[in-house]
Amino acid sequence: MRVAEPRRCDISVATGMLVNGDGHYRKTYRDLAGLYADAAGFEAILAEKADKVAYEVTSYTPGEKTSDLIMGVTRMEPGKVGREFFLTRGHIHARGDRPEIYHTLSGRGVMQLESPGGEVRLVEMGPQQVCYVPPFWIHRSVNIGSEDLVMFFSYPADSGQDYGIIERSGGMRVRVMDDGKGGYVAEENPAWRERSAAEVDAILSGEAMAA
């Protein structure tokens, strides 16, 4: 059996990119329709920069097995829609028992996590801080600072992503809002729908992925 070759990738913190990876995608503000509570505020942002990049991801994928670790860098612009800080779409891994790590390279952020049963965790992230996202947690990044949030990440290559789990529940349970004092506050999302016991069991058992 031939073993894989080592690979070095360079990170540009200034541009928020993994310079010599093999994957790159962008999300424009238009792509984020429906994520924010303030619809009128979001429309005002769309009028100004609908097709500009809200966040982008560059990555390197060495293979497709559990033992292959995807690694990459996410860069997200600062800003707010009304009082709500800019955020990524968020996901749970399609194979829910796969973990992920995030390492903040620059900026200030919050890793917003939600368990299938609706428990909420907010992990504040600053430069040179690492967040371990355990299996079965829905997660998204929120930029609470005044500059780009740049984060390194890594996870098993067969993890997959289920983005629809958030939409199916009417969003995440809380929204990360400006508290008016230079910080942030978590406010309940009235549109959030609690998952049934059967839905939670399906996620934790892996049946949701098969469905």
Protein backbone atom coordinates (compact mmCIF):
# COMPACT_ATOMS: atom_id res chain seq x y z
CA MET A 1 0.00 0.00 0.00
CA ARG A 2 1.29 3.42 -0.92
CA VAL A 3 1.07 6.00 1.85
CA ALA A 4 -0.12 9.54 1.13
CA GLU A 5 2.35 12.33 0.62
CA PRO A 6 2.64 15.16 3.17
CA ARG A 7 1.18 18.48 2.14
CA ARG A 8 1.98 21.98 3.39
CA CYS A 9 -0.56 24.75 2.89
CA ASP A 10 0.11 28.43 3.49
CA ILE A 11 -2.32 30.72 5.32
CA SER A 12 -2.62 34.41 4.48
CA VAL A 13 -4.21 36.02 7.51
CA ALA A 14 -4.31 39.35 5.66
CA THR A 15 -6.57 37.96 2.92
CA GLY A 16 -8.17 35.25 5.06
CA MET A 17 -7.28 32.47 2.64
CA LEU A 18 -5.60 29.10 2.44
CA VAL A 19 -3.31 30.09 -0.41
CA ASN A 20 -2.44 26.77 -2.03
CA GLY A 21 -5.41 24.53 -1.23
CA ASP A 22 -7.69 22.89 -3.78
CA GLY A 23 -11.14 24.20 -2.84
CA HIS A 24 -12.73 27.66 -2.80
CA TYR A 25 -16.33 28.83 -2.49
CA ARG A 26 -18.00 32.15 -1.77
CA LYS A 27 -21.34 33.14 -0.28
CA THR A 28 -22.73 36.49 -1.38
CA TYR A 29 -25.21 38.50 0.63
CA ARG A 30 -27.89 37.41 -1.83
CA ASP A 31 -27.15 33.79 -0.85
CA LEU A 32 -28.01 34.56 2.79
CA ALA A 33 -31.64 35.55 2.20
CA GLY A 34 -33.92 34.37 4.98
CA LEU A 35 -31.26 34.03 7.67
CA TYR A 36 -31.80 37.32 9.49
CA ALA A 37 -34.69 38.51 11.64
CA ASP A 38 -34.75 42.08 10.27
CA ALA A 39 -36.09 41.56 6.73
CA ALA A 40 -36.17 45.28 5.93
CA GLY A 41 -32.61 45.72 7.18
CA PHE A 42 -31.47 42.81 5.02
CA GLU A 43 -33.16 44.29 1.95
CA ALA A 44 -31.24 47.52 2.55
CA ILE A 45 -27.98 45.55 2.56
CA LEU A 46 -28.99 43.73 -0.61
CA ALA A 47 -29.63 47.04 -2.34
CA GLU A 48 -26.06 48.06 -1.58
CA LYS A 49 -24.05 44.85 -2.04
CA ALA A 50 -26.23 41.89 -3.05
CA ASP A 51 -23.52 40.19 -5.10
CA LYS A 52 -20.55 41.08 -2.91
CA VAL A 53 -18.89 38.34 -0.86
CA ALA A 54 -20.23 37.98 2.67
CA TYR A 55 -17.87 35.11 3.54
CA GLU A 56 -15.62 32.69 1.71
CA VAL A 57 -13.93 29.39 2.39
CA THR A 58 -10.68 28.04 1.00
CA SER A 59 -9.71 24.45 1.77
CA TYR A 60 -7.59 21.39 1.09
CA THR A 61 -9.12 17.91 0.86
CA PRO A 62 -6.57 15.05 0.93
CA GLY A 63 -9.11 12.26 0.39
CA GLU A 64 -12.61 11.04 1.24
CA LYS A 65 -12.09 8.73 4.22
CA THR A 66 -12.73 9.40 7.91
CA SER A 67 -8.98 9.39 8.44
CA ASP A 68 -8.50 12.13 5.82
CA LEU A 69 -8.74 15.54 7.47
CA ILE A 70 -10.11 18.43 5.45
CA MET A 71 -8.52 21.71 6.50
CA GLY A 72 -9.26 25.25 5.47
CA VAL A 73 -9.81 28.90 6.31
CA THR A 74 -13.03 30.90 6.56
CA ARG A 75 -13.07 34.68 6.16
CA MET A 76 -16.22 36.63 7.09
CA GLU A 77 -16.86 40.35 6.80
CA PRO A 78 -17.91 42.39 9.84
CA GLY A 79 -21.30 44.05 10.07
CA LYS A 80 -24.88 43.73 11.24
CA VAL A 81 -28.38 43.38 9.87
CA GLY A 82 -30.25 45.67 12.20
CA ARG A 83 -28.84 44.55 15.57
CA GLU A 84 -27.96 41.03 14.43
CA PHE A 85 -24.30 40.32 13.72
CA PHE A 86 -23.21 38.83 10.41
CA LEU A 87 -23.18 35.03 10.45
CA THR A 88 -22.55 31.94 8.35
CA ARG A 89 -25.37 29.63 7.27
CA GLY A 90 -24.36 26.98 9.79
CA HIS A 91 -24.76 23.20 9.63
CA ILE A 92 -24.58 19.89 11.40
CA HIS A 93 -22.36 17.20 9.94
CA ALA A 94 -24.34 14.76 7.80
CA ARG A 95 -22.47 12.06 9.66
CA GLY A 96 -23.33 13.55 12.99
CA ASP A 97 -20.67 11.77 15.02
CA ARG A 98 -17.88 13.73 13.30
CA PRO A 99 -16.25 16.59 15.29
CA GLU A 100 -14.57 19.78 14.06
CA ILE A 101 -12.02 22.27 15.35
CA TYR A 102 -11.85 26.03 14.74
CA HIS A 103 -8.82 28.21 15.44
CA THR A 104 -9.29 31.97 15.31
CA LEU A 105 -6.48 33.68 13.42
CA SER A 106 -7.81 37.25 13.54
CA GLY A 107 -10.95 39.12 14.53
CA ARG A 108 -13.56 38.47 17.20
CA GLY A 109 -16.29 35.92 16.84
CA VAL A 110 -18.75 33.63 18.52
CA MET A 111 -19.09 29.96 17.73
CA GLN A 112 -22.82 29.42 18.07
CA LEU A 113 -23.76 25.83 18.88
CA GLU A 114 -27.07 24.06 19.35
CA SER A 115 -27.69 20.44 20.28
CA PRO A 116 -30.44 18.46 18.50
CA GLY A 117 -32.46 18.79 21.71
CA GLY A 118 -32.16 22.59 21.71
CA GLU A 119 -29.37 23.25 24.22
CA VAL A 120 -27.44 26.41 23.34
CA ARG A 121 -23.75 27.15 23.76
CA LEU A 122 -22.00 30.37 22.73
CA VAL A 123 -18.20 30.17 22.68
CA GLU A 124 -16.51 33.54 22.29
CA MET A 125 -13.46 33.33 20.05
CA GLY A 126 -10.46 35.66 19.76
CA PRO A 127 -7.05 35.37 18.12
CA GLN A 128 -5.15 32.17 18.94
CA GLN A 129 -8.14 30.55 20.63
CA VAL A 130 -9.35 27.12 19.55
CA CYS A 131 -12.90 25.77 19.79
CA TYR A 132 -13.60 22.04 19.70
CA VAL A 133 -17.04 21.32 18.25
CA PRO A 134 -18.08 17.88 19.52
CA PRO A 135 -20.12 15.42 17.44
CA PHE A 136 -23.84 16.08 16.96
CA TRP A 137 -23.73 19.86 17.51
CA ILE A 138 -25.19 22.26 14.97
CA HIS A 139 -22.76 25.14 14.61
CA ARG A 140 -22.22 28.45 12.87
CA SER A 141 -19.74 31.34 13.14
CA VAL A 142 -20.81 34.87 14.05
CA ASN A 143 -18.60 37.93 13.55
CA ILE A 144 -19.03 40.20 16.57
CA GLY A 145 -15.99 42.38 15.81
CA SER A 146 -15.18 45.36 13.61
CA GLU A 147 -12.81 43.52 11.26
CA ASP A 148 -12.79 40.35 9.20
CA LEU A 149 -13.17 37.16 11.24
CA VAL A 150 -10.58 34.67 9.96
CA MET A 151 -10.70 31.11 11.28
CA PHE A 152 -8.82 27.90 10.48
CA PHE A 153 -10.88 24.70 10.62
CA SER A 154 -10.40 20.96 10.25
CA TYR A 155 -12.75 17.96 10.23
CA PRO A 156 -12.94 14.38 8.89
CA ALA A 157 -13.34 14.31 5.13
CA ASP A 158 -16.42 12.06 5.13
CA SER A 159 -18.38 14.32 7.53
CA GLY A 160 -20.64 16.02 4.99
CA GLN A 161 -22.87 18.97 5.86
CA ASP A 162 -26.59 19.22 6.48
CA TYR A 163 -27.49 22.90 6.12
CA GLY A 164 -31.23 22.26 6.05
CA ILE A 165 -31.45 21.26 9.72
CA ILE A 166 -31.45 24.94 10.71
CA GLU A 167 -34.08 25.94 8.16
CA ARG A 168 -36.33 23.05 9.16
CA SER A 169 -36.42 24.38 12.72
CA GLY A 170 -37.10 27.99 11.76
CA GLY A 171 -33.50 29.05 12.45
CA MET A 172 -31.29 28.47 15.47
CA ARG A 173 -32.82 28.81 18.90
CA VAL A 174 -31.16 32.16 19.67
CA ARG A 175 -29.91 35.11 17.65
CA VAL A 176 -26.63 36.86 18.48
CA MET A 177 -27.45 40.56 18.75
CA ASP A 178 -25.63 43.81 19.51
CA ASP A 179 -26.28 44.67 23.16
CA GLY A 180 -25.70 48.40 22.58
CA LYS A 181 -22.75 48.39 25.00
CA GLY A 182 -20.00 47.13 22.73
CA GLY A 183 -20.82 43.48 23.29
CA TYR A 184 -23.41 40.91 22.30
CA VAL A 185 -26.46 39.24 23.77
CA ALA A 186 -28.33 36.05 22.88
CA GLU A 187 -32.04 36.66 22.23
CA GLU A 188 -34.64 33.96 21.76
CA ASN A 189 -35.77 33.32 18.20
CA PRO A 190 -39.59 33.17 18.30
CA ALA A 191 -39.67 31.30 14.98
CA TRP A 192 -37.60 28.40 16.34
CA ARG A 193 -39.37 25.04 16.36
CA GLU A 194 -38.42 22.38 18.90
CA ARG A 195 -37.47 19.04 17.35
CA SER A 196 -39.54 16.04 18.30
CA ALA A 197 -38.08 13.19 20.31
CA ALA A 198 -38.18 11.07 17.15
CA GLU A 199 -36.23 13.71 15.19
CA VAL A 200 -33.61 13.98 17.92
CA ASP A 201 -33.25 10.20 18.11
CA ALA A 202 -32.87 10.00 14.32
CA ILE A 203 -30.07 12.59 14.35
CA LEU A 204 -28.21 10.92 17.20
CA SER A 205 -28.55 7.45 15.68
CA GLY A 206 -27.49 8.52 12.18
CA GLU A 207 -30.86 7.70 10.62
CA ALA A 208 -31.38 11.34 9.62
CA MET A 209 -28.39 11.12 7.27
CA ALA A 210 -29.72 7.96 5.66
CA ALA A 211 -33.12 9.59 5.15
